[in-house]
Every structure is written in structure tokens, then in C-alpha cells.
Amino acid sequence: MRTEQQALKLSLAGILLVAALGVGFGLISGSFAILFDGVFSLVDAVMSVVSITLAGLIAKSAANELSSARMSASPWGSGTLSRSCWPSMPCS
């Protein structure tokens, strides 16, 4: 699982570089479109940090054989919001 975290960290570095360039060029040129693209890249960077954190938690829970922690953390990493307890199903 270390390879996954290394890839996510490399991706985060690239995203932060693109975000810094976007914000910088947006401010220098006065273009709100370029500035917005840089800010949007910062939002993507936040999602990458969440993914790195969840990948670590999932790897740790897999090592401890706690599958319930992995199942409850996985939907957040995919970018979709879901409930872990539905009215028609009991919470696990």
C-alpha cells in the first residue's frame, strides 16, 4: 500500500505546482478565469490530502483486519457522499 500513498503524494505535489502557477498567472494577468482555475486546483489538492489520509487508514485497518473501518472510510475517498445507515438497513 506504500506505492499508492507515494503516487498520491506525487500527484499532490503536481497539483500544488499547477495551482500555484494558476493563481500566480491569474493574479499577474488579471484574468479571473485563470485565477479560478488555480483556486479549483487547490480544491483538488484538498481532495488529494483526504485521499492520502484515507489510504493510510484503509491500509492500517486492513493490517488490523478491521473491515468495518475500511468499508466506512471508502465512500469518502471516492468523492461521493453516502450514508452508512439507511432507513431500510440497520447500521453496521
C-alpha atoms as a PDB file:
ATOM      1  CA  MET A   1       0.000   0.000   0.000  1.00  0.00           C
ATOM      2  CA  ARG A   2       3.015   2.286   0.241  1.00  0.00           C
ATOM      3  CA  THR A   3       3.095   2.584  -3.541  1.00  0.00           C
ATOM      4  CA  GLU A   4      -0.429   4.008  -3.546  1.00  0.00           C
ATOM      5  CA  GLN A   5       0.451   6.642  -0.951  1.00  0.00           C
ATOM      6  CA  GLN A   6       3.638   7.560  -2.822  1.00  0.00           C
ATOM      7  CA  ALA A   7       1.662   8.014  -6.039  1.00  0.00           C
ATOM      8  CA  LEU A   8      -0.903  10.165  -4.245  1.00  0.00           C
ATOM      9  CA  LYS A   9       1.843  12.312  -2.709  1.00  0.00           C
ATOM     10  CA  LEU A  10       3.488  12.777  -6.123  1.00  0.00           C
ATOM     11  CA  SER A  11       0.096  13.721  -7.541  1.00  0.00           C
ATOM     12  CA  LEU A  12      -0.413  16.205  -4.698  1.00  0.00           C
ATOM     13  CA  ALA A  13       2.925  17.852  -5.462  1.00  0.00           C
ATOM     14  CA  GLY A  14       1.943  18.228  -9.114  1.00  0.00           C
ATOM     15  CA  ILE A  15      -1.468  19.624  -8.234  1.00  0.00           C
ATOM     16  CA  LEU A  16       0.057  22.171  -5.863  1.00  0.00           C
ATOM     17  CA  LEU A  17       2.510  23.249  -8.568  1.00  0.00           C
ATOM     18  CA  VAL A  18      -0.308  23.709 -11.103  1.00  0.00           C
ATOM     19  CA  ALA A  19      -2.401  25.551  -8.504  1.00  0.00           C
ATOM     20  CA  ALA A  20       0.450  27.916  -7.643  1.00  0.00           C
ATOM     21  CA  LEU A  21       1.122  28.616 -11.311  1.00  0.00           C
ATOM     22  CA  GLY A  22      -2.583  29.166 -11.979  1.00  0.00           C
ATOM     23  CA  VAL A  23      -3.068  31.547  -9.083  1.00  0.00           C
ATOM     24  CA  GLY A  24       0.181  33.368  -9.892  1.00  0.00           C
ATOM     25  CA  PHE A  25      -0.540  33.816 -13.580  1.00  0.00           C
ATOM     26  CA  GLY A  26      -4.136  34.719 -12.796  1.00  0.00           C
ATOM     27  CA  LEU A  27      -3.062  37.487 -10.448  1.00  0.00           C
ATOM     28  CA  ILE A  28      -0.327  38.759 -12.784  1.00  0.00           C
ATOM     29  CA  SER A  29      -2.530  38.799 -15.875  1.00  0.00           C
ATOM     30  CA  GLY A  30      -5.668  39.962 -14.085  1.00  0.00           C
ATOM     31  CA  SER A  31      -7.648  37.082 -15.556  1.00  0.00           C
ATOM     32  CA  PHE A  32     -10.345  35.787 -13.246  1.00  0.00           C
ATOM     33  CA  ALA A  33     -10.712  32.624 -15.361  1.00  0.00           C
ATOM     34  CA  ILE A  34      -7.079  31.622 -14.805  1.00  0.00           C
ATOM     35  CA  LEU A  35      -7.319  32.599 -11.142  1.00  0.00           C
ATOM     36  CA  PHE A  36     -10.461  30.492 -10.725  1.00  0.00           C
ATOM     37  CA  ASP A  37      -8.719  27.524 -12.356  1.00  0.00           C
ATOM     38  CA  GLY A  38      -5.857  27.857  -9.858  1.00  0.00           C
ATOM     39  CA  VAL A  39      -8.267  28.016  -6.925  1.00  0.00           C
ATOM     40  CA  PHE A  40     -10.122  24.998  -8.292  1.00  0.00           C
ATOM     41  CA  SER A  41      -6.795  23.147  -8.377  1.00  0.00           C
ATOM     42  CA  LEU A  42      -6.382  23.977  -4.683  1.00  0.00           C
ATOM     43  CA  VAL A  43      -9.735  22.293  -4.008  1.00  0.00           C
ATOM     44  CA  ASP A  44      -8.404  19.272  -5.884  1.00  0.00           C
ATOM     45  CA  ALA A  45      -5.321  19.360  -3.650  1.00  0.00           C
ATOM     46  CA  VAL A  46      -7.540  19.207  -0.561  1.00  0.00           C
ATOM     47  CA  MET A  47      -9.242  16.128  -2.004  1.00  0.00           C
ATOM     48  CA  SER A  48      -5.811  14.571  -2.567  1.00  0.00           C
ATOM     49  CA  VAL A  49      -4.923  15.159   1.088  1.00  0.00           C
ATOM     50  CA  VAL A  50      -8.169  13.430   2.074  1.00  0.00           C
ATOM     51  CA  SER A  51      -7.311  10.537  -0.249  1.00  0.00           C
ATOM     52  CA  ILE A  52      -3.829  10.183   1.262  1.00  0.00           C
ATOM     53  CA  THR A  53      -5.293  10.178   4.764  1.00  0.00           C
ATOM     54  CA  LEU A  54      -7.927   7.602   3.869  1.00  0.00           C
ATOM     55  CA  ALA A  55      -5.415   5.395   2.055  1.00  0.00           C
ATOM     56  CA  GLY A  56      -3.367   5.306   5.252  1.00  0.00           C
ATOM     57  CA  LEU A  57      -6.405   4.495   7.370  1.00  0.00           C
ATOM     58  CA  ILE A  58      -7.529   1.774   4.989  1.00  0.00           C
ATOM     59  CA  ALA A  59      -4.046   0.237   4.909  1.00  0.00           C
ATOM     60  CA  LYS A  60      -3.887   0.335   8.707  1.00  0.00           C
ATOM     61  CA  SER A  61      -7.339  -1.203   9.092  1.00  0.00           C
ATOM     62  CA  ALA A  62      -6.511  -3.896   6.534  1.00  0.00           C
ATOM     63  CA  ALA A  63      -3.423  -4.770   8.546  1.00  0.00           C
ATOM     64  CA  ASN A  64      -5.528  -4.993  11.698  1.00  0.00           C
ATOM     65  CA  GLU A  65      -8.301  -6.897   9.865  1.00  0.00           C
ATOM     66  CA  LEU A  66     -10.948  -4.329  10.729  1.00  0.00           C
ATOM     67  CA  SER A  67     -13.045  -4.456   7.601  1.00  0.00           C
ATOM     68  CA  SER A  68     -15.786  -2.253   9.025  1.00  0.00           C
ATOM     69  CA  ALA A  69     -13.400   0.729   9.212  1.00  0.00           C
ATOM     70  CA  ARG A  70     -12.381   0.175   5.600  1.00  0.00           C
ATOM     71  CA  MET A  71     -15.985  -0.006   4.413  1.00  0.00           C
ATOM     72  CA  SER A  72     -16.981   3.147   6.268  1.00  0.00           C
ATOM     73  CA  ALA A  73     -13.967   5.157   5.021  1.00  0.00           C
ATOM     74  CA  SER A  74     -14.009   4.038   1.381  1.00  0.00           C
ATOM     75  CA  PRO A  75     -17.051   6.031   0.164  1.00  0.00           C
ATOM     76  CA  TRP A  76     -15.482   9.309   1.296  1.00  0.00           C
ATOM     77  CA  GLY A  77     -12.354   8.697  -0.766  1.00  0.00           C
ATOM     78  CA  SER A  78     -14.334   8.155  -3.937  1.00  0.00           C
ATOM     79  CA  GLY A  79     -15.750  11.674  -3.800  1.00  0.00           C
ATOM     80  CA  THR A  80     -19.349  10.603  -3.316  1.00  0.00           C
ATOM     81  CA  LEU A  81     -21.347  11.391  -0.252  1.00  0.00           C
ATOM     82  CA  SER A  82     -23.260   8.451   1.083  1.00  0.00           C
ATOM     83  CA  ARG A  83     -24.897   7.440   4.302  1.00  0.00           C
ATOM     84  CA  SER A  84     -23.572   4.470   6.201  1.00  0.00           C
ATOM     85  CA  CYS A  85     -27.019   3.801   7.702  1.00  0.00           C
ATOM     86  CA  TRP A  86     -30.094   3.641   5.508  1.00  0.00           C
ATOM     87  CA  PRO A  87     -33.651   3.567   6.896  1.00  0.00           C
ATOM     88  CA  SER A  88     -34.262   0.182   5.301  1.00  0.00           C
ATOM     89  CA  MET A  89     -30.943  -1.295   6.534  1.00  0.00           C
ATOM     90  CA  PRO A  90     -29.535  -1.435  10.068  1.00  0.00           C
ATOM     91  CA  CYS A  91     -26.261   0.290  10.773  1.00  0.00           C
ATOM     92  CA  SER A  92     -23.265  -1.987  10.927  1.00  0.00           C
END
